[in-house]
Amino acid sequence: MAKKKESTLINMVVALLVITAVSGGVLGMVYGMTKDTIAEVEQKKNEAAIQAVLPLKGDITYNADTLRYNYEGTEIAFPCTIAKDANGVFQGAAVKTSEGGFGGKIDMMVGFLADGSIKGTSVLSHAETPGLGANMTGKFKDQFIDKNPANFKLIVKKDGGDVDAITAATITSRAFSKAVDKAYKAFEANKAKYMNNAPAMEETSDKDEAPAEENPENMEGGQDNE
């Protein structure tokens, strides 16, 4: 009868390396097989979001670009899609933006018309609580449509703004509003270069004061659980 091979540290390390190599190879193969499909799905999602937040009539040309803006001391690049009509007249832009919410990062698309008013918003991905923060994808977002942040404060009412927060989800409401504010400020700081070939506006830094600290009481109708 053959003697059973003793288990040693070297044997365990070798086995672990083999398992890791095989697992890595399988994952790499799966990624290689699915990356194009994933990219295609992501592209279609973005295209659908652009049409949702910036529905324009007529012969419109859409071109991808990037807006850069220093928001609260941090340089941020905002992927965007610029819309112009058949005569080359700037109509607006769909701007991708994000902010940390209660459950994680909230990725969004915001559509702006040339005058700075919000045409629409769309949440691309989030990890907010179902029935609470996740309600931002419902009627909550409708209050931003047709509003111009030049005279509509993108801050929840309990912090002195004009946004009606989601009941028991003020953190999510703040994050949504801040994401829109980021996109708006980046759009306003860059839009001149798309209008009548005018030179770009000088980039400025955002110096707005941060919202007030969390208050355990939700002034919009419940406990501030998020």
C-alpha atoms as a PDB file:
ATOM      1  CA  MET A   1       0.000   0.000   0.000  1.00  0.00           C
ATOM      2  CA  ALA A   2       1.373   3.404  -1.047  1.00  0.00           C
ATOM      3  CA  LYS A   3       2.295   5.751   1.731  1.00  0.00           C
ATOM      4  CA  LYS A   4      -0.015   8.795   1.990  1.00  0.00           C
ATOM      5  CA  LYS A   5       1.751  11.988   0.984  1.00  0.00           C
ATOM      6  CA  GLU A   6       2.203  14.320   3.923  1.00  0.00           C
ATOM      7  CA  SER A   7       0.569  17.721   3.759  1.00  0.00           C
ATOM      8  CA  THR A   8       3.217  20.415   3.915  1.00  0.00           C
ATOM      9  CA  LEU A   9       3.236  24.192   3.597  1.00  0.00           C
ATOM     10  CA  ILE A  10       4.903  23.901   0.189  1.00  0.00           C
ATOM     11  CA  ASN A  11       2.210  21.497  -1.059  1.00  0.00           C
ATOM     12  CA  MET A  12      -0.545  23.846   0.099  1.00  0.00           C
ATOM     13  CA  VAL A  13       1.120  26.873  -1.516  1.00  0.00           C
ATOM     14  CA  VAL A  14       1.548  25.013  -4.808  1.00  0.00           C
ATOM     15  CA  ALA A  15      -2.098  23.881  -4.734  1.00  0.00           C
ATOM     16  CA  LEU A  16      -3.263  27.431  -4.013  1.00  0.00           C
ATOM     17  CA  LEU A  17      -1.177  28.807  -6.882  1.00  0.00           C
ATOM     18  CA  VAL A  18      -2.608  26.227  -9.286  1.00  0.00           C
ATOM     19  CA  ILE A  19      -6.169  27.003  -8.204  1.00  0.00           C
ATOM     20  CA  THR A  20      -5.544  30.752  -8.511  1.00  0.00           C
ATOM     21  CA  ALA A  21      -4.028  30.367 -11.979  1.00  0.00           C
ATOM     22  CA  VAL A  22      -6.907  28.219 -13.207  1.00  0.00           C
ATOM     23  CA  SER A  23      -9.515  30.582 -11.721  1.00  0.00           C
ATOM     24  CA  GLY A  24      -7.781  33.616 -13.223  1.00  0.00           C
ATOM     25  CA  GLY A  25      -7.640  31.929 -16.603  1.00  0.00           C
ATOM     26  CA  VAL A  26     -11.342  31.063 -16.499  1.00  0.00           C
ATOM     27  CA  LEU A  27     -12.292  34.591 -15.440  1.00  0.00           C
ATOM     28  CA  GLY A  28     -10.116  36.085 -18.162  1.00  0.00           C
ATOM     29  CA  MET A  29     -11.713  33.817 -20.763  1.00  0.00           C
ATOM     30  CA  VAL A  30     -15.241  34.701 -19.598  1.00  0.00           C
ATOM     31  CA  TYR A  31     -14.398  38.426 -19.634  1.00  0.00           C
ATOM     32  CA  GLY A  32     -12.966  38.132 -23.129  1.00  0.00           C
ATOM     33  CA  MET A  33     -16.149  36.427 -24.309  1.00  0.00           C
ATOM     34  CA  THR A  34     -18.536  38.917 -22.679  1.00  0.00           C
ATOM     35  CA  LYS A  35     -16.745  42.304 -22.733  1.00  0.00           C
ATOM     36  CA  ASP A  36     -18.130  43.300 -26.131  1.00  0.00           C
ATOM     37  CA  THR A  37     -21.662  42.384 -25.080  1.00  0.00           C
ATOM     38  CA  ILE A  38     -21.302  44.289 -21.824  1.00  0.00           C
ATOM     39  CA  ALA A  39     -19.968  47.344 -23.664  1.00  0.00           C
ATOM     40  CA  GLU A  40     -22.860  47.161 -26.137  1.00  0.00           C
ATOM     41  CA  VAL A  41     -25.438  46.964 -23.352  1.00  0.00           C
ATOM     42  CA  GLU A  42     -23.794  49.915 -21.566  1.00  0.00           C
ATOM     43  CA  GLN A  43     -23.775  51.935 -24.788  1.00  0.00           C
ATOM     44  CA  LYS A  44     -27.469  51.250 -25.386  1.00  0.00           C
ATOM     45  CA  LYS A  45     -28.257  52.243 -21.809  1.00  0.00           C
ATOM     46  CA  ASN A  46     -26.437  55.548 -22.253  1.00  0.00           C
ATOM     47  CA  GLU A  47     -28.150  56.230 -25.575  1.00  0.00           C
ATOM     48  CA  ALA A  48     -31.557  55.537 -24.037  1.00  0.00           C
ATOM     49  CA  ALA A  49     -30.735  57.868 -21.123  1.00  0.00           C
ATOM     50  CA  ILE A  50     -29.675  60.638 -23.505  1.00  0.00           C
ATOM     51  CA  GLN A  51     -32.965  60.399 -25.384  1.00  0.00           C
ATOM     52  CA  ALA A  52     -34.860  60.349 -22.084  1.00  0.00           C
ATOM     53  CA  VAL A  53     -33.235  63.464 -20.610  1.00  0.00           C
ATOM     54  CA  LEU A  54     -32.812  65.450 -23.817  1.00  0.00           C
ATOM     55  CA  PRO A  55     -35.703  64.629 -26.156  1.00  0.00           C
ATOM     56  CA  LEU A  56     -35.372  67.090 -29.034  1.00  0.00           C
ATOM     57  CA  LYS A  57     -37.401  67.372 -32.224  1.00  0.00           C
ATOM     58  CA  GLY A  58     -36.067  67.852 -35.730  1.00  0.00           C
ATOM     59  CA  ASP A  59     -32.738  66.993 -37.319  1.00  0.00           C
ATOM     60  CA  ILE A  60     -30.412  66.831 -34.317  1.00  0.00           C
ATOM     61  CA  THR A  61     -26.754  65.894 -34.324  1.00  0.00           C
ATOM     62  CA  TYR A  62     -25.279  64.377 -31.160  1.00  0.00           C
ATOM     63  CA  ASN A  63     -21.545  64.448 -30.456  1.00  0.00           C
ATOM     64  CA  ALA A  64     -19.668  63.037 -27.480  1.00  0.00           C
ATOM     65  CA  ASP A  65     -17.426  65.359 -25.492  1.00  0.00           C
ATOM     66  CA  THR A  66     -16.115  65.934 -21.970  1.00  0.00           C
ATOM     67  CA  LEU A  67     -16.769  68.859 -19.661  1.00  0.00           C
ATOM     68  CA  ARG A  68     -14.145  69.697 -17.051  1.00  0.00           C
ATOM     69  CA  TYR A  69     -14.950  71.623 -13.927  1.00  0.00           C
ATOM     70  CA  ASN A  70     -13.408  72.255 -10.520  1.00  0.00           C
ATOM     71  CA  TYR A  71     -16.232  71.408  -8.126  1.00  0.00           C
ATOM     72  CA  GLU A  72     -15.587  72.204  -4.464  1.00  0.00           C
ATOM     73  CA  GLY A  73     -11.837  72.015  -5.037  1.00  0.00           C
ATOM     74  CA  THR A  74     -11.847  68.777  -7.027  1.00  0.00           C
ATOM     75  CA  GLU A  75     -11.212  68.656 -10.771  1.00  0.00           C
ATOM     76  CA  ILE A  76     -13.912  66.471 -12.337  1.00  0.00           C
ATOM     77  CA  ALA A  77     -14.378  65.250 -15.912  1.00  0.00           C
ATOM     78  CA  PHE A  78     -18.025  64.941 -16.949  1.00  0.00           C
ATOM     79  CA  PRO A  79     -18.687  62.791 -20.046  1.00  0.00           C
ATOM     80  CA  CYS A  80     -21.397  64.492 -22.080  1.00  0.00           C
ATOM     81  CA  THR A  81     -23.260  64.504 -25.378  1.00  0.00           C
ATOM     82  CA  ILE A  82     -23.641  67.837 -27.184  1.00  0.00           C
ATOM     83  CA  ALA A  83     -26.776  68.408 -29.272  1.00  0.00           C
ATOM     84  CA  LYS A  84     -26.959  70.793 -32.254  1.00  0.00           C
ATOM     85  CA  ASP A  85     -29.665  71.281 -34.868  1.00  0.00           C
ATOM     86  CA  ALA A  86     -29.303  71.051 -38.656  1.00  0.00           C
ATOM     87  CA  ASN A  87     -27.950  74.621 -38.749  1.00  0.00           C
ATOM     88  CA  GLY A  88     -25.293  73.887 -36.166  1.00  0.00           C
ATOM     89  CA  VAL A  89     -27.093  75.832 -33.449  1.00  0.00           C
ATOM     90  CA  PHE A  90     -26.388  74.536 -29.951  1.00  0.00           C
ATOM     91  CA  GLN A  91     -29.537  73.050 -28.378  1.00  0.00           C
ATOM     92  CA  GLY A  92     -28.253  71.564 -25.158  1.00  0.00           C
ATOM     93  CA  ALA A  93     -26.315  68.692 -23.620  1.00  0.00           C
ATOM     94  CA  ALA A  94     -26.772  65.446 -21.719  1.00  0.00           C
ATOM     95  CA  VAL A  95     -24.221  65.316 -18.896  1.00  0.00           C
ATOM     96  CA  LYS A  96     -23.169  62.245 -16.896  1.00  0.00           C
ATOM     97  CA  THR A  97     -22.689  62.901 -13.208  1.00  0.00           C
ATOM     98  CA  SER A  98     -22.542  61.034  -9.903  1.00  0.00           C
ATOM     99  CA  GLU A  99     -22.562  61.434  -6.141  1.00  0.00           C
ATOM    100  CA  GLY A 100     -22.295  59.146  -3.121  1.00  0.00           C
ATOM    101  CA  GLY A 101     -25.709  58.249  -1.700  1.00  0.00           C
ATOM    102  CA  PHE A 102     -26.803  56.230   1.319  1.00  0.00           C
ATOM    103  CA  GLY A 103     -26.007  52.839  -0.207  1.00  0.00           C
ATOM    104  CA  GLY A 104     -23.228  53.790  -2.601  1.00  0.00           C
ATOM    105  CA  LYS A 105     -22.566  55.816  -5.720  1.00  0.00           C
ATOM    106  CA  ILE A 106     -25.500  57.165  -7.702  1.00  0.00           C
ATOM    107  CA  ASP A 107     -24.760  57.491 -11.434  1.00  0.00           C
ATOM    108  CA  MET A 108     -27.010  59.832 -13.389  1.00  0.00           C
ATOM    109  CA  MET A 109     -27.603  61.562 -16.688  1.00  0.00           C
ATOM    110  CA  VAL A 110     -28.969  65.115 -16.707  1.00  0.00           C
ATOM    111  CA  GLY A 111     -30.224  66.938 -19.794  1.00  0.00           C
ATOM    112  CA  PHE A 112     -29.866  70.726 -20.075  1.00  0.00           C
ATOM    113  CA  LEU A 113     -31.219  73.067 -22.713  1.00  0.00           C
ATOM    114  CA  ALA A 114     -29.043  75.904 -24.002  1.00  0.00           C
ATOM    115  CA  ASP A 115     -30.545  78.361 -21.488  1.00  0.00           C
ATOM    116  CA  GLY A 116     -29.477  76.145 -18.571  1.00  0.00           C
ATOM    117  CA  SER A 117     -32.906  74.749 -17.719  1.00  0.00           C
ATOM    118  CA  ILE A 118     -33.185  71.065 -16.869  1.00  0.00           C
ATOM    119  CA  LYS A 119     -34.933  69.025 -19.550  1.00  0.00           C
ATOM    120  CA  GLY A 120     -34.819  65.741 -17.667  1.00  0.00           C
ATOM    121  CA  THR A 121     -32.906  63.408 -15.343  1.00  0.00           C
ATOM    122  CA  SER A 122     -32.252  59.673 -15.449  1.00  0.00           C
ATOM    123  CA  VAL A 123     -30.655  57.410 -12.835  1.00  0.00           C
ATOM    124  CA  LEU A 124     -28.255  55.002 -14.543  1.00  0.00           C
ATOM    125  CA  SER A 125     -27.307  52.944 -11.487  1.00  0.00           C
ATOM    126  CA  HIS A 126     -27.646  53.071  -7.708  1.00  0.00           C
ATOM    127  CA  ALA A 127     -27.657  50.942  -4.553  1.00  0.00           C
ATOM    128  CA  GLU A 128     -30.216  52.861  -2.500  1.00  0.00           C
ATOM    129  CA  THR A 129     -32.764  51.184  -0.212  1.00  0.00           C
ATOM    130  CA  PRO A 130     -35.886  49.825  -1.963  1.00  0.00           C
ATOM    131  CA  GLY A 131     -38.973  51.747  -0.869  1.00  0.00           C
ATOM    132  CA  LEU A 132     -36.875  54.631   0.465  1.00  0.00           C
ATOM    133  CA  GLY A 133     -33.946  56.103  -1.437  1.00  0.00           C
ATOM    134  CA  ALA A 134     -34.781  54.040  -4.499  1.00  0.00           C
ATOM    135  CA  ASN A 135     -37.906  56.204  -4.839  1.00  0.00           C
ATOM    136  CA  MET A 136     -35.697  58.863  -6.407  1.00  0.00           C
ATOM    137  CA  THR A 137     -36.401  57.164  -9.735  1.00  0.00           C
ATOM    138  CA  GLY A 138     -40.109  57.993  -9.365  1.00  0.00           C
ATOM    139  CA  LYS A 139     -41.993  61.244  -8.902  1.00  0.00           C
ATOM    140  CA  PHE A 140     -39.141  62.773  -6.912  1.00  0.00           C
ATOM    141  CA  LYS A 141     -37.075  63.392 -10.037  1.00  0.00           C
ATOM    142  CA  ASP A 142     -39.983  65.065 -11.844  1.00  0.00           C
ATOM    143  CA  GLN A 143     -39.664  68.190  -9.694  1.00  0.00           C
ATOM    144  CA  PHE A 144     -36.390  69.036 -11.480  1.00  0.00           C
ATOM    145  CA  ILE A 145     -37.916  69.128 -14.976  1.00  0.00           C
ATOM    146  CA  ASP A 146     -38.108  72.595 -16.555  1.00  0.00           C
ATOM    147  CA  LYS A 147     -36.354  74.131 -13.563  1.00  0.00           C
ATOM    148  CA  ASN A 148     -33.420  76.460 -14.117  1.00  0.00           C
ATOM    149  CA  PRO A 149     -30.846  76.157 -11.305  1.00  0.00           C
ATOM    150  CA  ALA A 150     -30.092  79.848 -11.777  1.00  0.00           C
ATOM    151  CA  ASN A 151     -33.226  80.470  -9.706  1.00  0.00           C
ATOM    152  CA  PHE A 152     -34.047  76.990  -8.358  1.00  0.00           C
ATOM    153  CA  LYS A 153     -31.756  75.966  -5.495  1.00  0.00           C
ATOM    154  CA  LEU A 154     -30.577  72.385  -5.949  1.00  0.00           C
ATOM    155  CA  ILE A 155     -30.614  71.775  -2.202  1.00  0.00           C
ATOM    156  CA  VAL A 156     -33.282  70.053  -0.110  1.00  0.00           C
ATOM    157  CA  LYS A 157     -35.677  72.385   1.685  1.00  0.00           C
ATOM    158  CA  LYS A 158     -34.462  71.435   5.160  1.00  0.00           C
ATOM    159  CA  ASP A 159     -31.056  72.829   4.133  1.00  0.00           C
ATOM    160  CA  GLY A 160     -32.522  76.023   2.696  1.00  0.00           C
ATOM    161  CA  GLY A 161     -33.091  74.923  -0.911  1.00  0.00           C
ATOM    162  CA  ASP A 162     -36.074  74.253  -3.165  1.00  0.00           C
ATOM    163  CA  VAL A 163     -36.017  70.450  -3.444  1.00  0.00           C
ATOM    164  CA  ASP A 164     -38.709  68.391  -1.712  1.00  0.00           C
ATOM    165  CA  ALA A 165     -36.808  65.481  -0.123  1.00  0.00           C
ATOM    166  CA  ILE A 166     -37.993  61.886  -0.214  1.00  0.00           C
ATOM    167  CA  THR A 167     -39.603  60.935   3.085  1.00  0.00           C
ATOM    168  CA  ALA A 168     -37.074  59.138   5.328  1.00  0.00           C
ATOM    169  CA  ALA A 169     -34.400  59.375   2.620  1.00  0.00           C
ATOM    170  CA  THR A 170     -32.866  62.821   2.959  1.00  0.00           C
ATOM    171  CA  ILE A 171     -29.326  61.567   2.326  1.00  0.00           C
ATOM    172  CA  THR A 172     -30.393  60.151  -1.020  1.00  0.00           C
ATOM    173  CA  SER A 173     -32.267  63.359  -1.833  1.00  0.00           C
ATOM    174  CA  ARG A 174     -29.183  65.424  -1.045  1.00  0.00           C
ATOM    175  CA  ALA A 175     -26.975  63.174  -3.167  1.00  0.00           C
ATOM    176  CA  PHE A 176     -29.364  63.341  -6.142  1.00  0.00           C
ATOM    177  CA  SER A 177     -29.570  67.125  -5.889  1.00  0.00           C
ATOM    178  CA  LYS A 178     -25.797  67.498  -5.579  1.00  0.00           C
ATOM    179  CA  ALA A 179     -25.209  65.286  -8.614  1.00  0.00           C
ATOM    180  CA  VAL A 180     -27.523  67.540 -10.638  1.00  0.00           C
ATOM    181  CA  ASP A 181     -25.775  70.626  -9.245  1.00  0.00           C
ATOM    182  CA  LYS A 182     -22.378  69.290 -10.330  1.00  0.00           C
ATOM    183  CA  ALA A 183     -23.633  68.673 -13.851  1.00  0.00           C
ATOM    184  CA  TYR A 184     -25.277  72.106 -14.057  1.00  0.00           C
ATOM    185  CA  LYS A 185     -22.193  74.004 -12.951  1.00  0.00           C
ATOM    186  CA  ALA A 186     -19.975  72.055 -15.341  1.00  0.00           C
ATOM    187  CA  PHE A 187     -22.448  72.722 -18.175  1.00  0.00           C
ATOM    188  CA  GLU A 188     -22.657  76.455 -17.480  1.00  0.00           C
ATOM    189  CA  ALA A 189     -18.890  76.817 -17.193  1.00  0.00           C
ATOM    190  CA  ASN A 190     -18.309  75.154 -20.578  1.00  0.00           C
ATOM    191  CA  LYS A 191     -21.338  75.838 -22.770  1.00  0.00           C
ATOM    192  CA  ALA A 192     -20.084  79.091 -24.336  1.00  0.00           C
ATOM    193  CA  LYS A 193     -17.637  77.193 -26.531  1.00  0.00           C
ATOM    194  CA  TYR A 194     -20.558  75.384 -28.166  1.00  0.00           C
ATOM    195  CA  MET A 195     -22.614  78.509 -28.830  1.00  0.00           C
ATOM    196  CA  ASN A 196     -21.886  80.351 -32.092  1.00  0.00           C
ATOM    197  CA  ASN A 197     -18.251  79.237 -31.868  1.00  0.00           C
ATOM    198  CA  ALA A 198     -17.724  81.655 -28.999  1.00  0.00           C
ATOM    199  CA  PRO A 199     -14.604  81.147 -26.831  1.00  0.00           C
ATOM    200  CA  ALA A 200     -15.080  78.935 -23.809  1.00  0.00           C
ATOM    201  CA  MET A 201     -15.911  80.590 -20.522  1.00  0.00           C
ATOM    202  CA  GLU A 202     -13.050  80.747 -18.073  1.00  0.00           C
ATOM    203  CA  GLU A 203     -13.262  77.785 -15.760  1.00  0.00           C
ATOM    204  CA  THR A 204     -14.245  78.696 -12.248  1.00  0.00           C
ATOM    205  CA  SER A 205     -14.234  76.852  -8.978  1.00  0.00           C
ATOM    206  CA  ASP A 206     -17.333  76.103  -7.015  1.00  0.00           C
ATOM    207  CA  LYS A 207     -17.277  77.921  -3.701  1.00  0.00           C
ATOM    208  CA  ASP A 208     -20.790  77.222  -2.477  1.00  0.00           C
ATOM    209  CA  GLU A 209     -21.070  76.320   1.137  1.00  0.00           C
ATOM    210  CA  ALA A 210     -21.711  72.682   1.968  1.00  0.00           C
ATOM    211  CA  PRO A 211     -25.218  71.694   3.161  1.00  0.00           C
ATOM    212  CA  ALA A 212     -25.933  71.603   6.868  1.00  0.00           C
ATOM    213  CA  GLU A 213     -24.987  68.486   8.814  1.00  0.00           C
ATOM    214  CA  GLU A 214     -27.385  65.556   9.034  1.00  0.00           C
ATOM    215  CA  ASN A 215     -30.380  66.173  11.239  1.00  0.00           C
ATOM    216  CA  PRO A 216     -31.977  63.025  12.706  1.00  0.00           C
ATOM    217  CA  GLU A 217     -35.420  64.465  12.018  1.00  0.00           C
ATOM    218  CA  ASN A 218     -36.635  64.482   8.429  1.00  0.00           C
ATOM    219  CA  MET A 219     -38.485  67.769   8.002  1.00  0.00           C
ATOM    220  CA  GLU A 220     -40.093  66.421   4.820  1.00  0.00           C
ATOM    221  CA  GLY A 221     -42.235  63.876   6.613  1.00  0.00           C
ATOM    222  CA  GLY A 222     -40.329  61.230   8.574  1.00  0.00           C
ATOM    223  CA  GLN A 223     -37.139  60.009  10.211  1.00  0.00           C
ATOM    224  CA  ASP A 224     -33.912  60.639   8.321  1.00  0.00           C
ATOM    225  CA  ASN A 225     -33.047  56.960   8.007  1.00  0.00           C
ATOM    226  CA  GLU A 226     -31.035  57.411   4.819  1.00  0.00           C
END
